Amino acid sequence: KAPKPVQRMHRAIMAAARDCDFERLERLGR
């Protein structure tokens, strides 16, 4: 229960973490 942009980022972080795609995680943060 959060705004759609928060939900999208939340899902994107979890998906990248599931794959240990640390470069993608860093791009999401930056």
All heavy atoms as atom14 arrays in JSON, in Angstrom:
{
  "sequence": "KAPKPVQRMHRAIMAAARDCDFERLERLGR",
  "atom14_mask": [
    [1, 1, 1, 1, 1, 1, 1, 1, 1, 0, 0, 0, 0, 0],
    [1, 1, 1, 1, 1, 0, 0, 0, 0, 0, 0, 0, 0, 0],
    [1, 1, 1, 1, 1, 1, 1, 0, 0, 0, 0, 0, 0, 0],
    [1, 1, 1, 1, 1, 1, 1, 1, 1, 0, 0, 0, 0, 0],
    [1, 1, 1, 1, 1, 1, 1, 0, 0, 0, 0, 0, 0, 0],
    [1, 1, 1, 1, 1, 1, 1, 0, 0, 0, 0, 0, 0, 0],
    [1, 1, 1, 1, 1, 1, 1, 1, 1, 0, 0, 0, 0, 0],
    [1, 1, 1, 1, 1, 1, 1, 1, 1, 1, 1, 0, 0, 0],
    [1, 1, 1, 1, 1, 1, 1, 1, 0, 0, 0, 0, 0, 0],
    [1, 1, 1, 1, 1, 1, 1, 1, 1, 1, 0, 0, 0, 0],
    [1, 1, 1, 1, 1, 1, 1, 1, 1, 1, 1, 0, 0, 0],
    [1, 1, 1, 1, 1, 0, 0, 0, 0, 0, 0, 0, 0, 0],
    [1, 1, 1, 1, 1, 1, 1, 1, 0, 0, 0, 0, 0, 0],
    [1, 1, 1, 1, 1, 1, 1, 1, 0, 0, 0, 0, 0, 0],
    [1, 1, 1, 1, 1, 0, 0, 0, 0, 0, 0, 0, 0, 0],
    [1, 1, 1, 1, 1, 0, 0, 0, 0, 0, 0, 0, 0, 0],
    [1, 1, 1, 1, 1, 0, 0, 0, 0, 0, 0, 0, 0, 0],
    [1, 1, 1, 1, 1, 1, 1, 1, 1, 1, 1, 0, 0, 0],
    [1, 1, 1, 1, 1, 1, 1, 1, 0, 0, 0, 0, 0, 0],
    [1, 1, 1, 1, 1, 1, 0, 0, 0, 0, 0, 0, 0, 0],
    [1, 1, 1, 1, 1, 1, 1, 1, 0, 0, 0, 0, 0, 0],
    [1, 1, 1, 1, 1, 1, 1, 1, 1, 1, 1, 0, 0, 0],
    [1, 1, 1, 1, 1, 1, 1, 1, 1, 0, 0, 0, 0, 0],
    [1, 1, 1, 1, 1, 1, 1, 1, 1, 1, 1, 0, 0, 0],
    [1, 1, 1, 1, 1, 1, 1, 1, 0, 0, 0, 0, 0, 0],
    [1, 1, 1, 1, 1, 1, 1, 1, 1, 0, 0, 0, 0, 0],
    [1, 1, 1, 1, 1, 1, 1, 1, 1, 1, 1, 0, 0, 0],
    [1, 1, 1, 1, 1, 1, 1, 1, 0, 0, 0, 0, 0, 0],
    [1, 1, 1, 1, 0, 0, 0, 0, 0, 0, 0, 0, 0, 0],
    [1, 1, 1, 1, 1, 1, 1, 1, 1, 1, 1, 0, 0, 0]
  ],
  "atom14_positions": [
    [[0.85, -1.19, 0.0], [0.0, 0.0, 0.0], [0.89, 1.23, 0.0], [1.2, 1.79, 1.04], [-0.93, -0.02, 1.21], [-1.93, -1.15, 1.13], [-2.84, -1.17, 2.32], [-3.79, -2.36, 2.19], [-4.65, -2.49, 3.33], [0.0, 0.0, 0.0], [0.0, 0.0, 0.0], [0.0, 0.0, 0.0], [0.0, 0.0, 0.0], [0.0, 0.0, 0.0]],
    [[1.3, 1.59, -1.2], [2.18, 2.73, -1.41], [1.89, 3.28, -2.8], [1.25, 2.6, -3.61], [3.64, 2.28, -1.3], [0.0, 0.0, 0.0], [0.0, 0.0, 0.0], [0.0, 0.0, 0.0], [0.0, 0.0, 0.0], [0.0, 0.0, 0.0], [0.0, 0.0, 0.0], [0.0, 0.0, 0.0], [0.0, 0.0, 0.0], [0.0, 0.0, 0.0]],
    [[2.36, 4.48, -3.1], [2.15, 5.02, -4.44], [2.74, 4.1, -5.51], [3.71, 3.37, -5.26], [2.91, 6.36, -4.4], [2.98, 6.71, -2.95], [3.07, 5.42, -2.22], [0.0, 0.0, 0.0], [0.0, 0.0, 0.0], [0.0, 0.0, 0.0], [0.0, 0.0, 0.0], [0.0, 0.0, 0.0], [0.0, 0.0, 0.0], [0.0, 0.0, 0.0]],
    [[2.17, 4.15, -6.7], [2.62, 3.29, -7.8], [4.12, 3.4, -8.06], [4.77, 2.37, -8.26], [1.84, 3.59, -9.09], [0.38, 3.29, -8.99], [0.12, 1.81, -9.04], [-1.39, 1.57, -9.05], [-1.76, 0.26, -8.63], [0.0, 0.0, 0.0], [0.0, 0.0, 0.0], [0.0, 0.0, 0.0], [0.0, 0.0, 0.0], [0.0, 0.0, 0.0]],
    [[4.72, 4.59, -8.05], [6.18, 4.65, -8.29], [6.98, 3.88, -7.22], [7.98, 3.25, -7.53], [6.5, 6.14, -8.26], [5.21, 6.82, -8.58], [4.13, 5.93, -8.0], [0.0, 0.0, 0.0], [0.0, 0.0, 0.0], [0.0, 0.0, 0.0], [0.0, 0.0, 0.0], [0.0, 0.0, 0.0], [0.0, 0.0, 0.0], [0.0, 0.0, 0.0]],
    [[6.52, 3.91, -5.97], [7.19, 3.17, -4.9], [7.03, 1.67, -5.16], [8.0, 0.91, -5.04], [6.64, 3.55, -3.51], [7.22, 2.66, -2.42], [6.89, 5.02, -3.21], [0.0, 0.0, 0.0], [0.0, 0.0, 0.0], [0.0, 0.0, 0.0], [0.0, 0.0, 0.0], [0.0, 0.0, 0.0], [0.0, 0.0, 0.0], [0.0, 0.0, 0.0]],
    [[5.84, 1.26, -5.55], [5.6, -0.15, -5.85], [6.5, -0.63, -6.99], [7.08, -1.72, -6.91], [4.13, -0.37, -6.24], [3.16, -0.16, -5.1], [1.73, -0.33, -5.56], [1.43, -1.14, -6.42], [0.83, 0.45, -4.98], [0.0, 0.0, 0.0], [0.0, 0.0, 0.0], [0.0, 0.0, 0.0], [0.0, 0.0, 0.0], [0.0, 0.0, 0.0]],
    [[6.6, 0.17, -8.05], [7.44, -0.23, -9.2], [8.9, -0.39, -8.79], [9.55, -1.36, -9.15], [7.31, 0.79, -10.33], [6.06, 0.6, -11.16], [6.11, 1.44, -12.43], [6.05, 2.86, -12.17], [4.92, 3.56, -12.01], [3.76, 2.96, -12.09], [4.98, 4.86, -11.77], [0.0, 0.0, 0.0], [0.0, 0.0, 0.0], [0.0, 0.0, 0.0]],
    [[9.42, 0.57, -8.03], [10.82, 0.49, -7.62], [11.02, -0.7, -6.68], [12.01, -1.43, -6.79], [11.27, 1.79, -6.95], [12.74, 1.76, -6.5], [13.94, 1.42, -7.83], [13.94, 3.01, -8.65], [0.0, 0.0, 0.0], [0.0, 0.0, 0.0], [0.0, 0.0, 0.0], [0.0, 0.0, 0.0], [0.0, 0.0, 0.0], [0.0, 0.0, 0.0]],
    [[10.1, -0.91, -5.78], [10.16, -2.04, -4.85], [10.28, -3.35, -5.63], [11.15, -4.18, -5.35], [8.89, -2.01, -3.98], [8.81, -3.05, -2.94], [8.15, -4.24, -3.14], [9.27, -3.09, -1.67], [8.21, -4.97, -2.04], [8.89, -4.3, -1.13], [0.0, 0.0, 0.0], [0.0, 0.0, 0.0], [0.0, 0.0, 0.0], [0.0, 0.0, 0.0]],
    [[9.42, -3.55, -6.63], [9.47, -4.77, -7.45], [10.78, -4.86, -8.23], [11.36, -5.94, -8.34], [8.28, -4.82, -8.42], [6.99, -5.23, -7.77], [5.9, -5.52, -8.8], [5.67, -4.4, -9.7], [4.79, -3.42, -9.48], [4.06, -3.43, -8.4], [4.63, -2.45, -10.36], [0.0, 0.0, 0.0], [0.0, 0.0, 0.0], [0.0, 0.0, 0.0]],
    [[11.24, -3.75, -8.78], [12.48, -3.75, -9.57], [13.68, -4.13, -8.7], [14.55, -4.9, -9.13], [12.7, -2.39, -10.23], [0.0, 0.0, 0.0], [0.0, 0.0, 0.0], [0.0, 0.0, 0.0], [0.0, 0.0, 0.0], [0.0, 0.0, 0.0], [0.0, 0.0, 0.0], [0.0, 0.0, 0.0], [0.0, 0.0, 0.0], [0.0, 0.0, 0.0]],
    [[13.75, -3.6, -7.5], [14.85, -3.92, -6.58], [14.81, -5.41, -6.25], [15.84, -6.09, -6.29], [14.77, -3.07, -5.29], [15.01, -1.6, -5.59], [15.78, -3.59, -4.25], [14.65, -0.67, -4.43], [0.0, 0.0, 0.0], [0.0, 0.0, 0.0], [0.0, 0.0, 0.0], [0.0, 0.0, 0.0], [0.0, 0.0, 0.0], [0.0, 0.0, 0.0]],
    [[13.63, -5.91, -5.92], [13.53, -7.33, -5.55], [13.91, -8.25, -6.72], [14.59, -9.24, -6.52], [12.13, -7.63, -5.04], [11.87, -6.99, -3.69], [10.3, -7.42, -2.96], [10.54, -9.15, -2.61], [0.0, 0.0, 0.0], [0.0, 0.0, 0.0], [0.0, 0.0, 0.0], [0.0, 0.0, 0.0], [0.0, 0.0, 0.0], [0.0, 0.0, 0.0]],
    [[13.49, -7.9, -7.92], [13.82, -8.73, -9.08], [15.33, -8.74, -9.34], [15.92, -9.79, -9.6], [13.07, -8.24, -10.31], [0.0, 0.0, 0.0], [0.0, 0.0, 0.0], [0.0, 0.0, 0.0], [0.0, 0.0, 0.0], [0.0, 0.0, 0.0], [0.0, 0.0, 0.0], [0.0, 0.0, 0.0], [0.0, 0.0, 0.0], [0.0, 0.0, 0.0]],
    [[15.97, -7.58, -9.26], [17.41, -7.52, -9.48], [18.16, -8.27, -8.38], [19.16, -8.94, -8.64], [17.88, -6.07, -9.57], [0.0, 0.0, 0.0], [0.0, 0.0, 0.0], [0.0, 0.0, 0.0], [0.0, 0.0, 0.0], [0.0, 0.0, 0.0], [0.0, 0.0, 0.0], [0.0, 0.0, 0.0], [0.0, 0.0, 0.0], [0.0, 0.0, 0.0]],
    [[17.68, -8.16, -7.15], [18.32, -8.87, -6.03], [18.16, -10.38, -6.19], [19.09, -11.14, -5.92], [17.74, -8.42, -4.69], [0.0, 0.0, 0.0], [0.0, 0.0, 0.0], [0.0, 0.0, 0.0], [0.0, 0.0, 0.0], [0.0, 0.0, 0.0], [0.0, 0.0, 0.0], [0.0, 0.0, 0.0], [0.0, 0.0, 0.0], [0.0, 0.0, 0.0]],
    [[17.0, -10.81, -6.66], [16.77, -12.24, -6.87], [17.81, -12.82, -7.85], [18.26, -13.93, -7.72], [15.37, -12.48, -7.42], [15.07, -13.95, -7.73], [13.92, -14.13, -8.69], [14.18, -13.45, -9.93], [13.3, -12.69, -10.58], [12.11, -12.5, -10.1], [13.63, -12.12, -11.71], [0.0, 0.0, 0.0], [0.0, 0.0, 0.0], [0.0, 0.0, 0.0]],
    [[18.21, -12.0, -8.84], [19.17, -12.43, -9.84], [20.61, -12.08, -9.48], [21.52, -12.35, -10.26], [18.83, -11.77, -11.19], [17.49, -12.2, -11.73], [17.01, -13.29, -11.35], [16.91, -11.45, -12.53], [0.0, 0.0, 0.0], [0.0, 0.0, 0.0], [0.0, 0.0, 0.0], [0.0, 0.0, 0.0], [0.0, 0.0, 0.0], [0.0, 0.0, 0.0]],
    [[20.83, -11.48, -8.3], [22.15, -10.98, -7.92], [22.73, -10.1, -9.03], [23.92, -10.13, -9.32], [23.12, -12.11, -7.57], [22.85, -12.77, -5.92], [0.0, 0.0, 0.0], [0.0, 0.0, 0.0], [0.0, 0.0, 0.0], [0.0, 0.0, 0.0], [0.0, 0.0, 0.0], [0.0, 0.0, 0.0], [0.0, 0.0, 0.0], [0.0, 0.0, 0.0]],
    [[21.88, -9.3, -9.64], [22.31, -8.38, -10.69], [22.67, -7.06, -10.0], [21.89, -6.12, -9.97], [21.21, -8.2, -11.72], [21.68, -7.42, -12.94], [22.74, -6.76, -12.86], [20.99, -7.48, -13.97], [0.0, 0.0, 0.0], [0.0, 0.0, 0.0], [0.0, 0.0, 0.0], [0.0, 0.0, 0.0], [0.0, 0.0, 0.0], [0.0, 0.0, 0.0]],
    [[23.86, -7.03, -9.43], [24.29, -5.9, -8.64], [24.48, -4.64, -9.48], [24.28, -3.53, -8.99], [25.55, -6.25, -7.85], [25.32, -7.4, -6.91], [25.97, -8.6, -7.09], [24.42, -7.3, -5.87], [25.74, -9.67, -6.24], [24.17, -8.35, -5.01], [24.84, -9.55, -5.2], [0.0, 0.0, 0.0], [0.0, 0.0, 0.0], [0.0, 0.0, 0.0]],
    [[24.85, -4.81, -10.75], [24.96, -3.65, -11.63], [23.58, -3.02, -11.84], [23.44, -1.8, -11.83], [25.59, -4.05, -12.97], [27.08, -4.31, -12.91], [27.45, -5.64, -12.25], [26.59, -6.55, -12.14], [28.61, -5.76, -11.81], [0.0, 0.0, 0.0], [0.0, 0.0, 0.0], [0.0, 0.0, 0.0], [0.0, 0.0, 0.0], [0.0, 0.0, 0.0]],
    [[22.57, -3.85, -12.04], [21.21, -3.33, -12.21], [20.75, -2.65, -10.92], [20.14, -1.59, -10.96], [20.24, -4.47, -12.58], [18.8, -4.06, -12.66], [18.52, -3.25, -13.91], [17.11, -2.92, -13.97], [16.65, -1.71, -14.24], [17.48, -0.73, -14.53], [15.37, -1.48, -14.26], [0.0, 0.0, 0.0], [0.0, 0.0, 0.0], [0.0, 0.0, 0.0]],
    [[21.04, -3.24, -9.78], [20.68, -2.6, -8.51], [21.34, -1.23, -8.4], [20.69, -0.25, -8.01], [21.11, -3.48, -7.33], [20.21, -4.67, -7.01], [20.88, -5.59, -6.0], [18.85, -4.21, -6.5], [0.0, 0.0, 0.0], [0.0, 0.0, 0.0], [0.0, 0.0, 0.0], [0.0, 0.0, 0.0], [0.0, 0.0, 0.0], [0.0, 0.0, 0.0]],
    [[22.61, -1.15, -8.75], [23.3, 0.14, -8.67], [22.66, 1.15, -9.63], [22.46, 2.31, -9.27], [24.79, -0.01, -8.97], [25.53, 1.3, -8.84], [27.03, 1.16, -8.85], [27.56, 0.04, -8.96], [27.71, 2.21, -8.76], [0.0, 0.0, 0.0], [0.0, 0.0, 0.0], [0.0, 0.0, 0.0], [0.0, 0.0, 0.0], [0.0, 0.0, 0.0]],
    [[22.33, 0.72, -10.85], [21.67, 1.63, -11.8], [20.34, 2.13, -11.25], [20.0, 3.31, -11.39], [21.46, 0.95, -13.16], [22.71, 0.89, -14.01], [22.43, 0.48, -15.44], [21.69, -0.76, -15.57], [22.23, -1.97, -15.59], [23.53, -2.12, -15.49], [21.46, -3.04, -15.74], [0.0, 0.0, 0.0], [0.0, 0.0, 0.0], [0.0, 0.0, 0.0]],
    [[19.57, 1.23, -10.63], [18.3, 1.64, -10.04], [18.51, 2.72, -8.98], [17.74, 3.68, -8.88], [17.58, 0.44, -9.41], [16.98, -0.57, -10.38], [16.54, -1.83, -9.63], [15.82, 0.03, -11.15], [0.0, 0.0, 0.0], [0.0, 0.0, 0.0], [0.0, 0.0, 0.0], [0.0, 0.0, 0.0], [0.0, 0.0, 0.0], [0.0, 0.0, 0.0]],
    [[19.55, 2.56, -8.18], [19.84, 3.54, -7.14], [20.33, 4.87, -7.69], [20.04, 5.92, -7.13], [0.0, 0.0, 0.0], [0.0, 0.0, 0.0], [0.0, 0.0, 0.0], [0.0, 0.0, 0.0], [0.0, 0.0, 0.0], [0.0, 0.0, 0.0], [0.0, 0.0, 0.0], [0.0, 0.0, 0.0], [0.0, 0.0, 0.0], [0.0, 0.0, 0.0]],
    [[21.03, 4.83, -8.79], [21.62, 6.06, -9.32], [20.75, 6.76, -10.37], [21.07, 7.86, -10.79], [22.99, 5.76, -9.9], [23.97, 5.31, -8.83], [25.39, 5.3, -9.35], [26.32, 4.71, -8.43], [26.88, 5.33, -7.4], [26.58, 6.58, -7.14], [27.74, 4.71, -6.63], [0.0, 0.0, 0.0], [0.0, 0.0, 0.0], [0.0, 0.0, 0.0]]
  ]
}
